[in-house]
Amino acid sequence: MFNFSSSLRIYLCVDPTDMRKAFNGLYAIAKHQLDLNPMDGSLFLFANRRRDRVKLLYWDGTGFWVLAKRLEKGTFWWPGRTEANQGSIEMKPKALGMLLNGIDLKDGSFRAWFCR
């Protein structure tokens, strides 16, 4: 998978996001809905309502990256609105890696869809 620097700031948007959004739409959510600066080198994570798709938005200094992942079965673990401050949660790079690799961050076990 990807290796992220331990100093990378990652913000997870807890509200469902329309996965048809691309660079400008995701930028607008990060800037106006989450009230954060998407061009400060942080990574932003978005998921759809069913939680089977995620998109990442990242500014590398020269332009934006948008990465997407779609699960063929199962869902990603995702926090609820009650656990968020202003619609987002800041998470560590290791937690992002676990989330993308099928680990339920609430109880520390693999999701039902995960198999190797």
N, C-alpha and C. Protein backbone atom coordinates (compact mmCIF):
# COMPACT_ATOMS: atom_id res chain seq x y z
N MET A 1 0.85 -1.18 0.00
CA MET A 1 0.00 0.00 0.00
C MET A 1 0.89 1.23 0.00
N PHE A 2 0.41 2.31 0.56
CA PHE A 2 1.15 3.56 0.61
C PHE A 2 1.77 3.75 1.98
N ASN A 3 2.91 4.43 2.00
CA ASN A 3 3.51 4.83 3.26
C ASN A 3 3.32 6.33 3.42
N PHE A 4 2.77 6.72 4.55
CA PHE A 4 2.54 8.13 4.82
C PHE A 4 3.47 8.57 5.94
N SER A 5 3.99 9.78 5.83
CA SER A 5 4.86 10.34 6.85
C SER A 5 4.10 10.46 8.16
N SER A 6 4.79 10.23 9.27
CA SER A 6 4.13 10.33 10.58
C SER A 6 3.72 11.76 10.91
N SER A 7 4.27 12.73 10.19
CA SER A 7 3.90 14.13 10.44
C SER A 7 2.73 14.59 9.57
N LEU A 8 2.24 13.72 8.68
CA LEU A 8 1.13 14.08 7.80
C LEU A 8 -0.15 14.26 8.60
N ARG A 9 -0.85 15.37 8.37
CA ARG A 9 -2.14 15.60 9.01
C ARG A 9 -3.22 15.04 8.11
N ILE A 10 -4.09 14.21 8.69
CA ILE A 10 -5.15 13.56 7.94
C ILE A 10 -6.48 13.91 8.58
N TYR A 11 -7.41 14.36 7.74
CA TYR A 11 -8.74 14.72 8.21
C TYR A 11 -9.76 13.83 7.51
N LEU A 12 -10.59 13.18 8.29
CA LEU A 12 -11.63 12.32 7.79
C LEU A 12 -12.95 13.07 7.88
N CYS A 13 -13.62 13.25 6.75
CA CYS A 13 -14.93 13.91 6.71
C CYS A 13 -15.98 12.87 7.10
N VAL A 14 -16.72 13.11 8.18
CA VAL A 14 -17.67 12.12 8.66
C VAL A 14 -18.98 12.11 7.88
N ASP A 15 -19.32 13.20 7.23
CA ASP A 15 -20.56 13.26 6.46
C ASP A 15 -20.39 12.55 5.12
N PRO A 16 -21.43 11.88 4.62
CA PRO A 16 -21.33 11.22 3.31
C PRO A 16 -21.03 12.23 2.21
N THR A 17 -20.23 11.80 1.24
CA THR A 17 -19.82 12.65 0.12
C THR A 17 -20.25 12.01 -1.19
N ASP A 18 -20.70 12.84 -2.09
CA ASP A 18 -21.06 12.38 -3.43
C ASP A 18 -19.77 12.00 -4.16
N MET A 19 -19.63 10.73 -4.51
CA MET A 19 -18.40 10.24 -5.12
C MET A 19 -18.22 10.68 -6.56
N ARG A 20 -19.18 11.43 -7.11
CA ARG A 20 -18.98 12.00 -8.44
C ARG A 20 -18.10 13.24 -8.36
N LYS A 21 -17.89 13.76 -7.15
CA LYS A 21 -17.05 14.94 -6.99
C LYS A 21 -15.60 14.60 -7.30
N ALA A 22 -14.94 15.55 -7.93
CA ALA A 22 -13.53 15.38 -8.27
C ALA A 22 -12.72 16.46 -7.53
N PHE A 23 -11.66 16.93 -8.12
CA PHE A 23 -10.75 17.87 -7.48
C PHE A 23 -11.48 19.08 -6.87
N ASN A 24 -12.21 19.81 -7.70
CA ASN A 24 -12.83 21.05 -7.23
C ASN A 24 -13.92 20.82 -6.19
N GLY A 25 -14.71 19.78 -6.37
CA GLY A 25 -15.77 19.48 -5.41
C GLY A 25 -15.24 19.07 -4.05
N LEU A 26 -14.22 18.22 -4.04
CA LEU A 26 -13.61 17.80 -2.78
C LEU A 26 -12.88 18.96 -2.11
N TYR A 27 -12.22 19.79 -2.92
CA TYR A 27 -11.56 20.99 -2.40
C TYR A 27 -12.59 21.88 -1.70
N ALA A 28 -13.74 22.08 -2.32
CA ALA A 28 -14.78 22.94 -1.76
C ALA A 28 -15.29 22.39 -0.43
N ILE A 29 -15.45 21.09 -0.32
CA ILE A 29 -15.90 20.50 0.95
C ILE A 29 -14.86 20.75 2.04
N ALA A 30 -13.60 20.48 1.73
CA ALA A 30 -12.53 20.68 2.72
C ALA A 30 -12.43 22.14 3.14
N LYS A 31 -12.53 23.04 2.18
CA LYS A 31 -12.37 24.47 2.45
C LYS A 31 -13.58 25.07 3.17
N HIS A 32 -14.78 24.80 2.68
CA HIS A 32 -15.96 25.51 3.18
C HIS A 32 -16.77 24.72 4.20
N GLN A 33 -16.90 23.42 4.03
CA GLN A 33 -17.69 22.63 4.97
C GLN A 33 -16.87 22.25 6.20
N LEU A 34 -15.62 21.85 5.99
CA LEU A 34 -14.76 21.47 7.12
C LEU A 34 -13.99 22.67 7.68
N ASP A 35 -13.97 23.76 6.93
CA ASP A 35 -13.29 24.99 7.33
C ASP A 35 -11.79 24.76 7.55
N LEU A 36 -11.17 24.02 6.61
CA LEU A 36 -9.74 23.73 6.66
C LEU A 36 -9.10 24.16 5.35
N ASN A 37 -7.78 24.30 5.34
CA ASN A 37 -7.06 24.72 4.14
C ASN A 37 -6.53 23.48 3.40
N PRO A 38 -7.13 23.15 2.26
CA PRO A 38 -6.68 21.96 1.52
C PRO A 38 -5.28 22.08 0.94
N MET A 39 -4.73 23.29 0.89
CA MET A 39 -3.41 23.48 0.29
C MET A 39 -2.29 23.56 1.32
N ASP A 40 -2.55 23.10 2.54
CA ASP A 40 -1.50 23.15 3.57
C ASP A 40 -0.72 21.84 3.68
N GLY A 41 -0.96 20.90 2.76
CA GLY A 41 -0.22 19.64 2.79
C GLY A 41 -0.93 18.54 3.56
N SER A 42 -2.16 18.79 4.01
CA SER A 42 -2.94 17.78 4.70
C SER A 42 -3.61 16.86 3.70
N LEU A 43 -3.99 15.69 4.17
CA LEU A 43 -4.72 14.73 3.35
C LEU A 43 -6.16 14.69 3.87
N PHE A 44 -7.12 14.67 2.95
CA PHE A 44 -8.53 14.64 3.31
C PHE A 44 -9.16 13.36 2.80
N LEU A 45 -9.95 12.72 3.65
CA LEU A 45 -10.55 11.43 3.33
C LEU A 45 -12.06 11.57 3.33
N PHE A 46 -12.71 11.07 2.27
CA PHE A 46 -14.15 11.18 2.09
C PHE A 46 -14.71 9.80 1.76
N ALA A 47 -15.96 9.54 2.17
CA ALA A 47 -16.63 8.27 1.84
C ALA A 47 -18.06 8.54 1.40
N ASN A 48 -18.61 7.60 0.64
CA ASN A 48 -20.00 7.72 0.22
C ASN A 48 -20.93 7.24 1.34
N ARG A 49 -22.23 7.35 1.11
CA ARG A 49 -23.23 7.00 2.12
C ARG A 49 -23.16 5.51 2.50
N ARG A 50 -22.93 4.63 1.52
CA ARG A 50 -22.86 3.19 1.81
C ARG A 50 -21.54 2.76 2.43
N ARG A 51 -20.55 3.65 2.42
CA ARG A 51 -19.21 3.39 2.98
C ARG A 51 -18.48 2.27 2.27
N ASP A 52 -18.75 2.11 0.97
CA ASP A 52 -18.00 1.12 0.20
C ASP A 52 -17.03 1.78 -0.77
N ARG A 53 -16.97 3.11 -0.76
CA ARG A 53 -16.03 3.86 -1.60
C ARG A 53 -15.43 5.00 -0.79
N VAL A 54 -14.14 5.23 -1.01
CA VAL A 54 -13.48 6.38 -0.38
C VAL A 54 -12.66 7.12 -1.43
N LYS A 55 -12.47 8.41 -1.18
CA LYS A 55 -11.58 9.23 -1.99
C LYS A 55 -10.68 10.02 -1.06
N LEU A 56 -9.43 10.19 -1.50
CA LEU A 56 -8.45 10.97 -0.76
C LEU A 56 -8.06 12.17 -1.61
N LEU A 57 -7.97 13.33 -0.98
CA LEU A 57 -7.54 14.56 -1.64
C LEU A 57 -6.26 15.01 -0.96
N TYR A 58 -5.22 15.25 -1.76
CA TYR A 58 -3.92 15.63 -1.19
C TYR A 58 -3.23 16.66 -2.08
N TRP A 59 -2.72 17.72 -1.48
CA TRP A 59 -1.94 18.76 -2.17
C TRP A 59 -0.47 18.45 -1.94
N ASP A 60 0.31 18.26 -3.02
CA ASP A 60 1.73 17.92 -2.87
C ASP A 60 2.66 19.11 -3.08
N GLY A 61 2.09 20.29 -3.24
CA GLY A 61 2.90 21.49 -3.44
C GLY A 61 2.86 21.99 -4.87
N THR A 62 2.54 21.08 -5.80
CA THR A 62 2.46 21.48 -7.20
C THR A 62 1.07 21.25 -7.78
N GLY A 63 0.28 20.44 -7.12
CA GLY A 63 -1.06 20.13 -7.60
C GLY A 63 -1.75 19.16 -6.67
N PHE A 64 -3.01 18.90 -6.96
CA PHE A 64 -3.80 17.99 -6.14
C PHE A 64 -3.76 16.57 -6.68
N TRP A 65 -3.79 15.63 -5.75
CA TRP A 65 -3.95 14.22 -6.04
C TRP A 65 -5.34 13.83 -5.57
N VAL A 66 -6.03 13.02 -6.35
CA VAL A 66 -7.27 12.39 -5.90
C VAL A 66 -7.09 10.89 -6.11
N LEU A 67 -7.20 10.14 -5.02
CA LEU A 67 -7.10 8.69 -5.08
C LEU A 67 -8.44 8.12 -4.66
N ALA A 68 -8.85 7.02 -5.25
CA ALA A 68 -10.13 6.41 -4.94
C ALA A 68 -9.96 4.91 -4.72
N LYS A 69 -10.82 4.37 -3.83
CA LYS A 69 -10.85 2.93 -3.61
C LYS A 69 -12.31 2.51 -3.51
N ARG A 70 -12.66 1.44 -4.23
CA ARG A 70 -14.00 0.88 -4.18
C ARG A 70 -13.90 -0.57 -3.72
N LEU A 71 -14.64 -0.90 -2.68
CA LEU A 71 -14.67 -2.28 -2.20
C LEU A 71 -15.63 -3.10 -3.04
N GLU A 72 -15.26 -4.31 -3.36
CA GLU A 72 -16.13 -5.21 -4.10
C GLU A 72 -17.18 -5.83 -3.19
N LYS A 73 -16.87 -5.96 -1.90
CA LYS A 73 -17.85 -6.41 -0.92
C LYS A 73 -17.48 -5.81 0.43
N GLY A 74 -18.47 -5.61 1.27
CA GLY A 74 -18.24 -5.06 2.60
C GLY A 74 -18.21 -3.54 2.60
N THR A 75 -17.90 -3.00 3.76
CA THR A 75 -17.85 -1.55 3.96
C THR A 75 -16.63 -1.17 4.78
N PHE A 76 -16.26 0.10 4.68
CA PHE A 76 -15.21 0.65 5.53
C PHE A 76 -15.81 1.01 6.88
N TRP A 77 -15.02 0.89 7.93
CA TRP A 77 -15.43 1.44 9.21
C TRP A 77 -15.45 2.95 9.05
N TRP A 78 -16.43 3.62 9.66
CA TRP A 78 -16.51 5.07 9.56
C TRP A 78 -17.14 5.63 10.82
N PRO A 79 -16.56 6.70 11.39
CA PRO A 79 -17.14 7.28 12.62
C PRO A 79 -18.45 8.00 12.34
N GLY A 80 -19.24 8.16 13.38
CA GLY A 80 -20.50 8.88 13.26
C GLY A 80 -20.32 10.38 13.48
N ARG A 81 -21.36 11.12 13.21
CA ARG A 81 -21.35 12.58 13.36
C ARG A 81 -21.10 12.99 14.82
N THR A 82 -21.54 12.18 15.77
CA THR A 82 -21.37 12.52 17.18
C THR A 82 -19.91 12.48 17.62
N GLU A 83 -19.07 11.77 16.89
CA GLU A 83 -17.66 11.64 17.25
C GLU A 83 -16.79 12.72 16.62
N ALA A 84 -17.40 13.60 15.82
CA ALA A 84 -16.63 14.58 15.06
C ALA A 84 -16.72 15.97 15.65
N ASN A 85 -15.69 16.74 15.37
CA ASN A 85 -15.65 18.15 15.72
C ASN A 85 -15.69 18.93 14.42
N GLN A 86 -16.76 19.65 14.17
CA GLN A 86 -16.95 20.43 12.94
C GLN A 86 -16.97 19.56 11.68
N GLY A 87 -17.48 18.36 11.78
CA GLY A 87 -17.65 17.52 10.61
C GLY A 87 -16.44 16.71 10.19
N SER A 88 -15.33 16.82 10.93
CA SER A 88 -14.14 16.04 10.57
C SER A 88 -13.46 15.51 11.82
N ILE A 89 -12.66 14.48 11.60
CA ILE A 89 -11.85 13.89 12.67
C ILE A 89 -10.42 13.86 12.17
N GLU A 90 -9.49 14.29 13.00
CA GLU A 90 -8.08 14.18 12.63
C GLU A 90 -7.59 12.80 13.05
N MET A 91 -6.89 12.15 12.14
CA MET A 91 -6.40 10.81 12.44
C MET A 91 -4.92 10.68 12.09
N LYS A 92 -4.29 9.68 12.65
CA LYS A 92 -2.87 9.40 12.41
C LYS A 92 -2.70 8.57 11.13
N PRO A 93 -1.54 8.68 10.49
CA PRO A 93 -1.29 7.90 9.28
C PRO A 93 -1.45 6.39 9.47
N LYS A 94 -1.06 5.87 10.62
CA LYS A 94 -1.22 4.43 10.87
C LYS A 94 -2.68 4.04 10.90
N ALA A 95 -3.53 4.91 11.46
CA ALA A 95 -4.97 4.64 11.50
C ALA A 95 -5.55 4.63 10.09
N LEU A 96 -5.08 5.53 9.24
CA LEU A 96 -5.54 5.55 7.84
C LEU A 96 -5.17 4.25 7.15
N GLY A 97 -3.95 3.80 7.33
CA GLY A 97 -3.53 2.54 6.73
C GLY A 97 -4.39 1.38 7.20
N MET A 98 -4.69 1.34 8.48
CA MET A 98 -5.53 0.27 9.00
C MET A 98 -6.94 0.35 8.42
N LEU A 99 -7.51 1.56 8.38
CA LEU A 99 -8.86 1.74 7.84
C LEU A 99 -8.93 1.26 6.39
N LEU A 100 -7.95 1.65 5.57
CA LEU A 100 -7.95 1.26 4.15
C LEU A 100 -7.68 -0.22 3.95
N ASN A 101 -7.06 -0.86 4.94
CA ASN A 101 -6.74 -2.28 4.82
C ASN A 101 -7.74 -3.19 5.53
N GLY A 102 -8.89 -2.64 5.93
CA GLY A 102 -9.96 -3.49 6.44
C GLY A 102 -10.03 -3.68 7.93
N ILE A 103 -9.39 -2.83 8.70
CA ILE A 103 -9.46 -2.97 10.15
C ILE A 103 -10.50 -2.01 10.71
N ASP A 104 -11.37 -2.54 11.55
CA ASP A 104 -12.38 -1.74 12.22
C ASP A 104 -11.68 -0.99 13.35
N LEU A 105 -11.59 0.32 13.24
CA LEU A 105 -10.83 1.10 14.21
C LEU A 105 -11.51 1.17 15.57
N LYS A 106 -12.77 0.82 15.63
CA LYS A 106 -13.48 0.87 16.91
C LYS A 106 -13.11 -0.31 17.81
N ASP A 107 -13.04 -1.51 17.23
CA ASP A 107 -12.71 -2.67 18.07
C ASP A 107 -11.40 -3.36 17.70
N GLY A 108 -10.69 -2.84 16.71
CA GLY A 108 -9.36 -3.36 16.39
C GLY A 108 -9.33 -4.69 15.67
N SER A 109 -10.45 -5.11 15.09
CA SER A 109 -10.47 -6.39 14.38
C SER A 109 -10.72 -6.16 12.89
N PHE A 110 -10.43 -7.20 12.11
CA PHE A 110 -10.67 -7.11 10.67
C PHE A 110 -12.17 -7.06 10.40
N ARG A 111 -12.56 -6.31 9.37
CA ARG A 111 -13.94 -6.29 8.93
C ARG A 111 -14.28 -7.65 8.33
N ALA A 112 -15.56 -7.96 8.25
CA ALA A 112 -16.00 -9.28 7.77
C ALA A 112 -15.55 -9.54 6.33
N TRP A 113 -15.41 -8.51 5.51
CA TRP A 113 -15.05 -8.70 4.11
C TRP A 113 -13.56 -8.96 3.91
N PHE A 114 -12.73 -8.71 4.93
CA PHE A 114 -11.29 -8.81 4.76
C PHE A 114 -10.83 -10.26 4.72
N CYS A 115 -10.01 -10.59 3.75
CA CYS A 115 -9.35 -11.90 3.70
C CYS A 115 -8.07 -11.76 2.91
N ARG A 116 -7.08 -12.56 3.20
CA ARG A 116 -5.82 -12.56 2.48
C ARG A 116 -5.61 -13.89 1.83
